[in-house]
Amino acid sequence: MKVAISDTMHIITLEIPEKIELDPRDTVKFLAAKLYEAGKLSLGQAAELAGFSKVAFAEILGDYGVSLINYPVSDIQKDASRI
């Protein structure tokens, strides 16, 4: 893997053997979805990384097993106990 950093953008080059058949566009969408799921990117940031609008990206999250509502159950329980 190679990483280059400029003032405005990070460039990561991932070398994948040809025998592993991955569509580069699908790989970027998967990475964006999983970074959103992990809380590393906002919905807008993940959508931008994947090359989608927020609405379009939100619609494909389910394709990668990622929920649009990224709110841990423990936080929901804490909030509910305060009501």
PDB file of N, CA and C in Angstrom:
ATOM      1  N   MET A   1       0.856  -1.164   0.000  1.00  0.00           N
ATOM      2  CA  MET A   1       0.000   0.000   0.000  1.00  0.00           C
ATOM      3  C   MET A   1       0.903   1.228   0.000  1.00  0.00           C
ATOM      4  N   LYS A   2       0.503   2.226  -0.759  1.00  0.00           N
ATOM      5  CA  LYS A   2       1.237   3.480  -0.835  1.00  0.00           C
ATOM      6  C   LYS A   2       0.318   4.605  -0.380  1.00  0.00           C
ATOM      7  N   VAL A   3       0.855   5.551   0.372  1.00  0.00           N
ATOM      8  CA  VAL A   3       0.072   6.681   0.849  1.00  0.00           C
ATOM      9  C   VAL A   3       0.809   7.967   0.485  1.00  0.00           C
ATOM     10  N   ALA A   4       0.079   8.908  -0.123  1.00  0.00           N
ATOM     11  CA  ALA A   4       0.621  10.228  -0.435  1.00  0.00           C
ATOM     12  C   ALA A   4      -0.294  11.266   0.199  1.00  0.00           C
ATOM     13  N   ILE A   5       0.283  12.305   0.778  1.00  0.00           N
ATOM     14  CA  ILE A   5      -0.508  13.327   1.457  1.00  0.00           C
ATOM     15  C   ILE A   5      -0.169  14.689   0.871  1.00  0.00           C
ATOM     16  N   SER A   6      -1.213  15.427   0.503  1.00  0.00           N
ATOM     17  CA  SER A   6      -1.033  16.808   0.056  1.00  0.00           C
ATOM     18  C   SER A   6      -1.818  17.698   1.008  1.00  0.00           C
ATOM     19  N   ASP A   7      -1.858  18.979   0.729  1.00  0.00           N
ATOM     20  CA  ASP A   7      -2.595  19.905   1.589  1.00  0.00           C
ATOM     21  C   ASP A   7      -4.102  19.686   1.537  1.00  0.00           C
ATOM     22  N   THR A   8      -4.607  19.164   0.428  1.00  0.00           N
ATOM     23  CA  THR A   8      -6.055  19.058   0.263  1.00  0.00           C
ATOM     24  C   THR A   8      -6.577  17.633   0.156  1.00  0.00           C
ATOM     25  N   MET A   9      -5.699  16.656  -0.048  1.00  0.00           N
ATOM     26  CA  MET A   9      -6.199  15.309  -0.280  1.00  0.00           C
ATOM     27  C   MET A   9      -5.145  14.265   0.090  1.00  0.00           C
ATOM     28  N   HIS A  10      -5.623  13.147   0.608  1.00  0.00           N
ATOM     29  CA  HIS A  10      -4.774  11.981   0.846  1.00  0.00           C
ATOM     30  C   HIS A  10      -5.010  11.017  -0.307  1.00  0.00           C
ATOM     31  N   ILE A  11      -3.961  10.431  -0.817  1.00  0.00           N
ATOM     32  CA  ILE A  11      -4.094   9.461  -1.895  1.00  0.00           C
ATOM     33  C   ILE A  11      -3.545   8.139  -1.389  1.00  0.00           C
ATOM     34  N   ILE A  12      -4.396   7.120  -1.410  1.00  0.00           N
ATOM     35  CA  ILE A  12      -3.989   5.787  -0.973  1.00  0.00           C
ATOM     36  C   ILE A  12      -4.067   4.865  -2.175  1.00  0.00           C
ATOM     37  N   THR A  13      -2.984   4.183  -2.463  1.00  0.00           N
ATOM     38  CA  THR A  13      -2.959   3.217  -3.547  1.00  0.00           C
ATOM     39  C   THR A  13      -2.904   1.829  -2.928  1.00  0.00           C
ATOM     40  N   LEU A  14      -3.887   1.034  -3.231  1.00  0.00           N
ATOM     41  CA  LEU A  14      -3.972  -0.323  -2.709  1.00  0.00           C
ATOM     42  C   LEU A  14      -3.745  -1.288  -3.856  1.00  0.00           C
ATOM     43  N   GLU A  15      -2.694  -2.066  -3.776  1.00  0.00           N
ATOM     44  CA  GLU A  15      -2.378  -3.017  -4.830  1.00  0.00           C
ATOM     45  C   GLU A  15      -3.032  -4.349  -4.503  1.00  0.00           C
ATOM     46  N   ILE A  16      -3.915  -4.791  -5.400  1.00  0.00           N
ATOM     47  CA  ILE A  16      -4.664  -6.028  -5.209  1.00  0.00           C
ATOM     48  C   ILE A  16      -4.296  -6.980  -6.338  1.00  0.00           C
ATOM     49  N   PRO A  17      -3.894  -8.200  -6.017  1.00  0.00           N
ATOM     50  CA  PRO A  17      -3.558  -9.155  -7.074  1.00  0.00           C
ATOM     51  C   PRO A  17      -4.732  -9.351  -8.041  1.00  0.00           C
ATOM     52  N   GLU A  18      -4.414  -9.508  -9.330  1.00  0.00           N
ATOM     53  CA  GLU A  18      -5.454  -9.652 -10.345  1.00  0.00           C
ATOM     54  C   GLU A  18      -6.359 -10.855 -10.086  1.00  0.00           C
ATOM     55  N   LYS A  19      -5.820 -11.903  -9.469  1.00  0.00           N
ATOM     56  CA  LYS A  19      -6.638 -13.100  -9.224  1.00  0.00           C
ATOM     57  C   LYS A  19      -7.752 -12.841  -8.216  1.00  0.00           C
ATOM     58  N   ILE A  20      -7.628 -11.747  -7.455  1.00  0.00           N
ATOM     59  CA  ILE A  20      -8.709 -11.333  -6.557  1.00  0.00           C
ATOM     60  C   ILE A  20      -9.553 -10.339  -7.328  1.00  0.00           C
ATOM     61  N   GLU A  21     -10.701 -10.770  -7.747  1.00  0.00           N
ATOM     62  CA  GLU A  21     -11.531  -9.939  -8.614  1.00  0.00           C
ATOM     63  C   GLU A  21     -12.407  -9.001  -7.788  1.00  0.00           C
ATOM     64  N   LEU A  22     -11.954  -7.767  -7.688  1.00  0.00           N
ATOM     65  CA  LEU A  22     -12.712  -6.735  -6.981  1.00  0.00           C
ATOM     66  C   LEU A  22     -12.938  -5.564  -7.922  1.00  0.00           C
ATOM     67  N   ASP A  23     -14.146  -5.075  -7.952  1.00  0.00           N
ATOM     68  CA  ASP A  23     -14.459  -3.872  -8.715  1.00  0.00           C
ATOM     69  C   ASP A  23     -13.988  -2.682  -7.893  1.00  0.00           C
ATOM     70  N   PRO A  24     -13.082  -1.866  -8.418  1.00  0.00           N
ATOM     71  CA  PRO A  24     -12.569  -0.735  -7.643  1.00  0.00           C
ATOM     72  C   PRO A  24     -13.661   0.202  -7.132  1.00  0.00           C
ATOM     73  N   ARG A  25     -14.693   0.462  -7.932  1.00  0.00           N
ATOM     74  CA  ARG A  25     -15.774   1.356  -7.490  1.00  0.00           C
ATOM     75  C   ARG A  25     -16.539   0.746  -6.333  1.00  0.00           C
ATOM     76  N   ASP A  26     -16.787  -0.564  -6.397  1.00  0.00           N
ATOM     77  CA  ASP A  26     -17.503  -1.228  -5.308  1.00  0.00           C
ATOM     78  C   ASP A  26     -16.649  -1.260  -4.044  1.00  0.00           C
ATOM     79  N   THR A  27     -15.343  -1.405  -4.216  1.00  0.00           N
ATOM     80  CA  THR A  27     -14.437  -1.417  -3.071  1.00  0.00           C
ATOM     81  C   THR A  27     -14.457  -0.071  -2.352  1.00  0.00           C
ATOM     82  N   VAL A  28     -14.481   1.023  -3.106  1.00  0.00           N
ATOM     83  CA  VAL A  28     -14.534   2.356  -2.503  1.00  0.00           C
ATOM     84  C   VAL A  28     -15.870   2.561  -1.785  1.00  0.00           C
ATOM     85  N   LYS A  29     -16.974   2.111  -2.383  1.00  0.00           N
ATOM     86  CA  LYS A  29     -18.287   2.233  -1.720  1.00  0.00           C
ATOM     87  C   LYS A  29     -18.303   1.432  -0.422  1.00  0.00           C
ATOM     88  N   PHE A  30     -17.749   0.206  -0.465  1.00  0.00           N
ATOM     89  CA  PHE A  30     -17.688  -0.638   0.726  1.00  0.00           C
ATOM     90  C   PHE A  30     -16.866   0.045   1.820  1.00  0.00           C
ATOM     91  N   LEU A  31     -15.708   0.562   1.450  1.00  0.00           N
ATOM     92  CA  LEU A  31     -14.844   1.238   2.417  1.00  0.00           C
ATOM     93  C   LEU A  31     -15.549   2.443   3.026  1.00  0.00           C
ATOM     94  N   ALA A  32     -16.195   3.244   2.200  1.00  0.00           N
ATOM     95  CA  ALA A  32     -16.922   4.421   2.703  1.00  0.00           C
ATOM     96  C   ALA A  32     -18.036   3.999   3.655  1.00  0.00           C
ATOM     97  N   ALA A  33     -18.784   2.955   3.304  1.00  0.00           N
ATOM     98  CA  ALA A  33     -19.876   2.484   4.164  1.00  0.00           C
ATOM     99  C   ALA A  33     -19.351   1.994   5.508  1.00  0.00           C
ATOM    100  N   LYS A  34     -18.274   1.247   5.487  1.00  0.00           N
ATOM    101  CA  LYS A  34     -17.730   0.706   6.729  1.00  0.00           C
ATOM    102  C   LYS A  34     -17.075   1.793   7.596  1.00  0.00           C
ATOM    103  N   LEU A  35     -16.467   2.794   6.975  1.00  0.00           N
ATOM    104  CA  LEU A  35     -15.923   3.912   7.755  1.00  0.00           C
ATOM    105  C   LEU A  35     -17.046   4.733   8.380  1.00  0.00           C
ATOM    106  N   TYR A  36     -18.169   4.853   7.674  1.00  0.00           N
ATOM    107  CA  TYR A  36     -19.350   5.517   8.244  1.00  0.00           C
ATOM    108  C   TYR A  36     -19.871   4.702   9.422  1.00  0.00           C
ATOM    109  N   GLU A  37     -19.988   3.390   9.230  1.00  0.00           N
ATOM    110  CA  GLU A  37     -20.487   2.509  10.286  1.00  0.00           C
ATOM    111  C   GLU A  37     -19.616   2.589  11.540  1.00  0.00           C
ATOM    112  N   ALA A  38     -18.315   2.702  11.346  1.00  0.00           N
ATOM    113  CA  ALA A  38     -17.376   2.762  12.477  1.00  0.00           C
ATOM    114  C   ALA A  38     -17.333   4.144  13.124  1.00  0.00           C
ATOM    115  N   GLY A  39     -18.040   5.111  12.536  1.00  0.00           N
ATOM    116  CA  GLY A  39     -18.049   6.454  13.100  1.00  0.00           C
ATOM    117  C   GLY A  39     -16.831   7.282  12.723  1.00  0.00           C
ATOM    118  N   LYS A  40     -16.059   6.806  11.764  1.00  0.00           N
ATOM    119  CA  LYS A  40     -14.864   7.533  11.325  1.00  0.00           C
ATOM    120  C   LYS A  40     -15.205   8.636  10.330  1.00  0.00           C
ATOM    121  N   LEU A  41     -16.323   8.483   9.605  1.00  0.00           N
ATOM    122  CA  LEU A  41     -16.777   9.474   8.641  1.00  0.00           C
ATOM    123  C   LEU A  41     -18.228   9.818   8.900  1.00  0.00           C
ATOM    124  N   SER A  42     -18.589  11.061   8.640  1.00  0.00           N
ATOM    125  CA  SER A  42     -20.002  11.446   8.676  1.00  0.00           C
ATOM    126  C   SER A  42     -20.662  10.905   7.416  1.00  0.00           C
ATOM    127  N   LEU A  43     -21.980  10.971   7.360  1.00  0.00           N
ATOM    128  CA  LEU A  43     -22.688  10.523   6.164  1.00  0.00           C
ATOM    129  C   LEU A  43     -22.224  11.319   4.948  1.00  0.00           C
ATOM    130  N   GLY A  44     -22.082  12.632   5.104  1.00  0.00           N
ATOM    131  CA  GLY A  44     -21.639  13.476   3.995  1.00  0.00           C
ATOM    132  C   GLY A  44     -20.231  13.139   3.530  1.00  0.00           C
ATOM    133  N   GLN A  45     -19.336  12.900   4.476  1.00  0.00           N
ATOM    134  CA  GLN A  45     -17.959  12.556   4.120  1.00  0.00           C
ATOM    135  C   GLN A  45     -17.899  11.211   3.392  1.00  0.00           C
ATOM    136  N   ALA A  46     -18.653  10.237   3.904  1.00  0.00           N
ATOM    137  CA  ALA A  46     -18.674   8.917   3.274  1.00  0.00           C
ATOM    138  C   ALA A  46     -19.277   8.993   1.875  1.00  0.00           C
ATOM    139  N   ALA A  47     -20.343   9.770   1.733  1.00  0.00           N
ATOM    140  CA  ALA A  47     -20.968   9.933   0.418  1.00  0.00           C
ATOM    141  C   ALA A  47     -19.991  10.556  -0.562  1.00  0.00           C
ATOM    142  N   GLU A  48     -19.269  11.576  -0.114  1.00  0.00           N
ATOM    143  CA  GLU A  48     -18.289  12.233  -0.981  1.00  0.00           C
ATOM    144  C   GLU A  48     -17.189  11.261  -1.402  1.00  0.00           C
ATOM    145  N   LEU A  49     -16.689  10.475  -0.445  1.00  0.00           N
ATOM    146  CA  LEU A  49     -15.655   9.489  -0.748  1.00  0.00           C
ATOM    147  C   LEU A  49     -16.139   8.497  -1.803  1.00  0.00           C
ATOM    148  N   ALA A  50     -17.394   8.073  -1.682  1.00  0.00           N
ATOM    149  CA  ALA A  50     -17.959   7.092  -2.608  1.00  0.00           C
ATOM    150  C   ALA A  50     -18.418   7.708  -3.929  1.00  0.00           C
ATOM    151  N   GLY A  51     -18.474   9.041  -3.984  1.00  0.00           N
ATOM    152  CA  GLY A  51     -18.901   9.706  -5.215  1.00  0.00           C
ATOM    153  C   GLY A  51     -20.405   9.787  -5.385  1.00  0.00           C
ATOM    154  N   PHE A  52     -21.131   9.868  -4.265  1.00  0.00           N
ATOM    155  CA  PHE A  52     -22.592   9.914  -4.282  1.00  0.00           C
ATOM    156  C   PHE A  52     -23.091  11.153  -3.539  1.00  0.00           C
ATOM    157  N   SER A  53     -24.356  11.497  -3.763  1.00  0.00           N
ATOM    158  CA  SER A  53     -25.018  12.476  -2.908  1.00  0.00           C
ATOM    159  C   SER A  53     -25.320  11.775  -1.579  1.00  0.00           C
ATOM    160  N   LYS A  54     -25.640  12.548  -0.554  1.00  0.00           N
ATOM    161  CA  LYS A  54     -25.988  11.935   0.737  1.00  0.00           C
ATOM    162  C   LYS A  54     -27.177  10.993   0.598  1.00  0.00           C
ATOM    163  N   VAL A  55     -28.198  11.430  -0.120  1.00  0.00           N
ATOM    164  CA  VAL A  55     -29.417  10.620  -0.277  1.00  0.00           C
ATOM    165  C   VAL A  55     -29.089   9.312  -0.990  1.00  0.00           C
ATOM    166  N   ALA A  56     -28.362   9.397  -2.097  1.00  0.00           N
ATOM    167  CA  ALA A  56     -28.020   8.185  -2.859  1.00  0.00           C
ATOM    168  C   ALA A  56     -27.144   7.247  -2.036  1.00  0.00           C
ATOM    169  N   PHE A  57     -26.195   7.803  -1.275  1.00  0.00           N
ATOM    170  CA  PHE A  57     -25.334   6.961  -0.444  1.00  0.00           C
ATOM    171  C   PHE A  57     -26.145   6.295   0.663  1.00  0.00           C
ATOM    172  N   ALA A  58     -27.051   7.039   1.278  1.00  0.00           N
ATOM    173  CA  ALA A  58     -27.895   6.470   2.332  1.00  0.00           C
ATOM    174  C   ALA A  58     -28.692   5.288   1.801  1.00  0.00           C
ATOM    175  N   GLU A  59     -29.105   5.363   0.541  1.00  0.00           N
ATOM    176  CA  GLU A  59     -29.894   4.286  -0.054  1.00  0.00           C
ATOM    177  C   GLU A  59     -29.083   3.016  -0.297  1.00  0.00           C
ATOM    178  N   ILE A  60     -27.759   3.126  -0.457  1.00  0.00           N
ATOM    179  CA  ILE A  60     -26.963   1.924  -0.715  1.00  0.00           C
ATOM    180  C   ILE A  60     -26.318   1.333   0.543  1.00  0.00           C
ATOM    181  N   LEU A  61     -26.442   1.995   1.682  1.00  0.00           N
ATOM    182  CA  LEU A  61     -25.818   1.481   2.906  1.00  0.00           C
ATOM    183  C   LEU A  61     -26.253   0.055   3.218  1.00  0.00           C
ATOM    184  N   GLY A  62     -27.527  -0.243   3.026  1.00  0.00           N
ATOM    185  CA  GLY A  62     -28.038  -1.583   3.296  1.00  0.00           C
ATOM    186  C   GLY A  62     -27.368  -2.656   2.468  1.00  0.00           C
ATOM    187  N   ASP A  63     -26.882  -2.290   1.278  1.00  0.00           N
ATOM    188  CA  ASP A  63     -26.176  -3.255   0.423  1.00  0.00           C
ATOM    189  C   ASP A  63     -24.911  -3.771   1.099  1.00  0.00           C
ATOM    190  N   TYR A  64     -24.399  -3.016   2.063  1.00  0.00           N
ATOM    191  CA  TYR A  64     -23.170  -3.381   2.760  1.00  0.00           C
ATOM    192  C   TYR A  64     -23.418  -3.738   4.224  1.00  0.00           C
ATOM    193  N   GLY A  65     -24.682  -3.954   4.570  1.00  0.00           N
ATOM    194  CA  GLY A  65     -25.036  -4.344   5.932  1.00  0.00           C
ATOM    195  C   GLY A  65     -24.859  -3.229   6.944  1.00  0.00           C
ATOM    196  N   VAL A  66     -24.993  -1.981   6.492  1.00  0.00           N
ATOM    197  CA  VAL A  66     -24.782  -0.821   7.357  1.00  0.00           C
ATOM    198  C   VAL A  66     -26.102  -0.083   7.528  1.00  0.00           C
ATOM    199  N   SER A  67     -26.446   0.233   8.757  1.00  0.00           N
ATOM    200  CA  SER A  67     -27.669   0.965   9.058  1.00  0.00           C
ATOM    201  C   SER A  67     -27.438   2.461   8.894  1.00  0.00           C
ATOM    202  N   LEU A  68     -28.422   3.147   8.341  1.00  0.00           N
ATOM    203  CA  LEU A  68     -28.347   4.601   8.223  1.00  0.00           C
ATOM    204  C   LEU A  68     -28.302   5.233   9.603  1.00  0.00           C
ATOM    205  N   ILE A  69     -29.061   4.681  10.533  1.00  0.00           N
ATOM    206  CA  ILE A  69     -29.081   5.194  11.907  1.00  0.00           C
ATOM    207  C   ILE A  69     -27.958   4.508  12.660  1.00  0.00           C
ATOM    208  N   ASN A  70     -26.920   5.251  12.900  1.00  0.00           N
ATOM    209  CA  ASN A  70     -25.708   4.726  13.509  1.00  0.00           C
ATOM    210  C   ASN A  70     -25.661   5.182  14.964  1.00  0.00           C
ATOM    211  N   TYR A  71     -26.562   4.610  15.766  1.00  0.00           N
ATOM    212  CA  TYR A  71     -26.741   5.032  17.149  1.00  0.00           C
ATOM    213  C   TYR A  71     -26.724   3.790  18.033  1.00  0.00           C
ATOM    214  N   PRO A  72     -25.700   3.599  18.849  1.00  0.00           N
ATOM    215  CA  PRO A  72     -25.588   2.388  19.676  1.00  0.00           C
ATOM    216  C   PRO A  72     -26.780   2.202  20.624  1.00  0.00           C
ATOM    217  N   VAL A  73     -27.149   0.960  20.839  1.00  0.00           N
ATOM    218  CA  VAL A  73     -28.264   0.620  21.721  1.00  0.00           C
ATOM    219  C   VAL A  73     -28.027   1.189  23.118  1.00  0.00           C
ATOM    220  N   SER A  74     -26.795   1.146  23.578  1.00  0.00           N
ATOM    221  CA  SER A  74     -26.498   1.662  24.927  1.00  0.00           C
ATOM    222  C   SER A  74     -26.830   3.156  25.024  1.00  0.00           C
ATOM    223  N   ASP A  75     -26.586   3.912  23.965  1.00  0.00           N
ATOM    224  CA  ASP A  75     -26.936   5.333  23.968  1.00  0.00           C
ATOM    225  C   ASP A  75     -28.443   5.534  23.954  1.00  0.00           C
ATOM    226  N   ILE A  76     -29.145   4.697  23.221  1.00  0.00           N
ATOM    227  CA  ILE A  76     -30.610   4.774  23.182  1.00  0.00           C
ATOM    228  C   ILE A  76     -31.173   4.509  24.579  1.00  0.00           C
ATOM    229  N   GLN A  77     -30.631   3.499  25.266  1.00  0.00           N
ATOM    230  CA  GLN A  77     -31.093   3.170  26.615  1.00  0.00           C
ATOM    231  C   GLN A  77     -30.813   4.307  27.593  1.00  0.00           C
ATOM    232  N   LYS A  78     -29.649   4.924  27.483  1.00  0.00           N
ATOM    233  CA  LYS A  78     -29.326   6.055  28.350  1.00  0.00           C
ATOM    234  C   LYS A  78     -30.295   7.217  28.121  1.00  0.00           C
ATOM    235  N   ASP A  79     -30.549   7.503  26.841  1.00  0.00           N
ATOM    236  CA  ASP A  79     -31.477   8.588  26.495  1.00  0.00           C
ATOM    237  C   ASP A  79     -32.880   8.293  27.000  1.00  0.00           C
ATOM    238  N   ALA A  80     -33.320   7.045  26.860  1.00  0.00           N
ATOM    239  CA  ALA A  80     -34.658   6.652  27.285  1.00  0.00           C
ATOM    240  C   ALA A  80     -34.798   6.763  28.804  1.00  0.00           C
ATOM    241  N   SER A  81     -33.735   6.465  29.543  1.00  0.00           N
ATOM    242  CA  SER A  81     -33.804   6.525  31.002  1.00  0.00           C
ATOM    243  C   SER A  81     -33.921   7.963  31.517  1.00  0.00           C
ATOM    244  N   ARG A  82     -33.573   8.921  30.690  1.00  0.00           N
ATOM    245  CA  ARG A  82     -33.629  10.336  31.073  1.00  0.00           C
ATOM    246  C   ARG A  82     -35.004  10.935  30.837  1.00  0.00           C
ATOM    247  N   ILE A  83     -35.866  10.217  30.178  1.00  0.00           N
ATOM    248  CA  ILE A  83     -37.200  10.757  29.846  1.00  0.00           C
ATOM    249  C   ILE A  83     -38.153  10.528  31.011  1.00  0.00           C
TER     250      ILE A  83
END
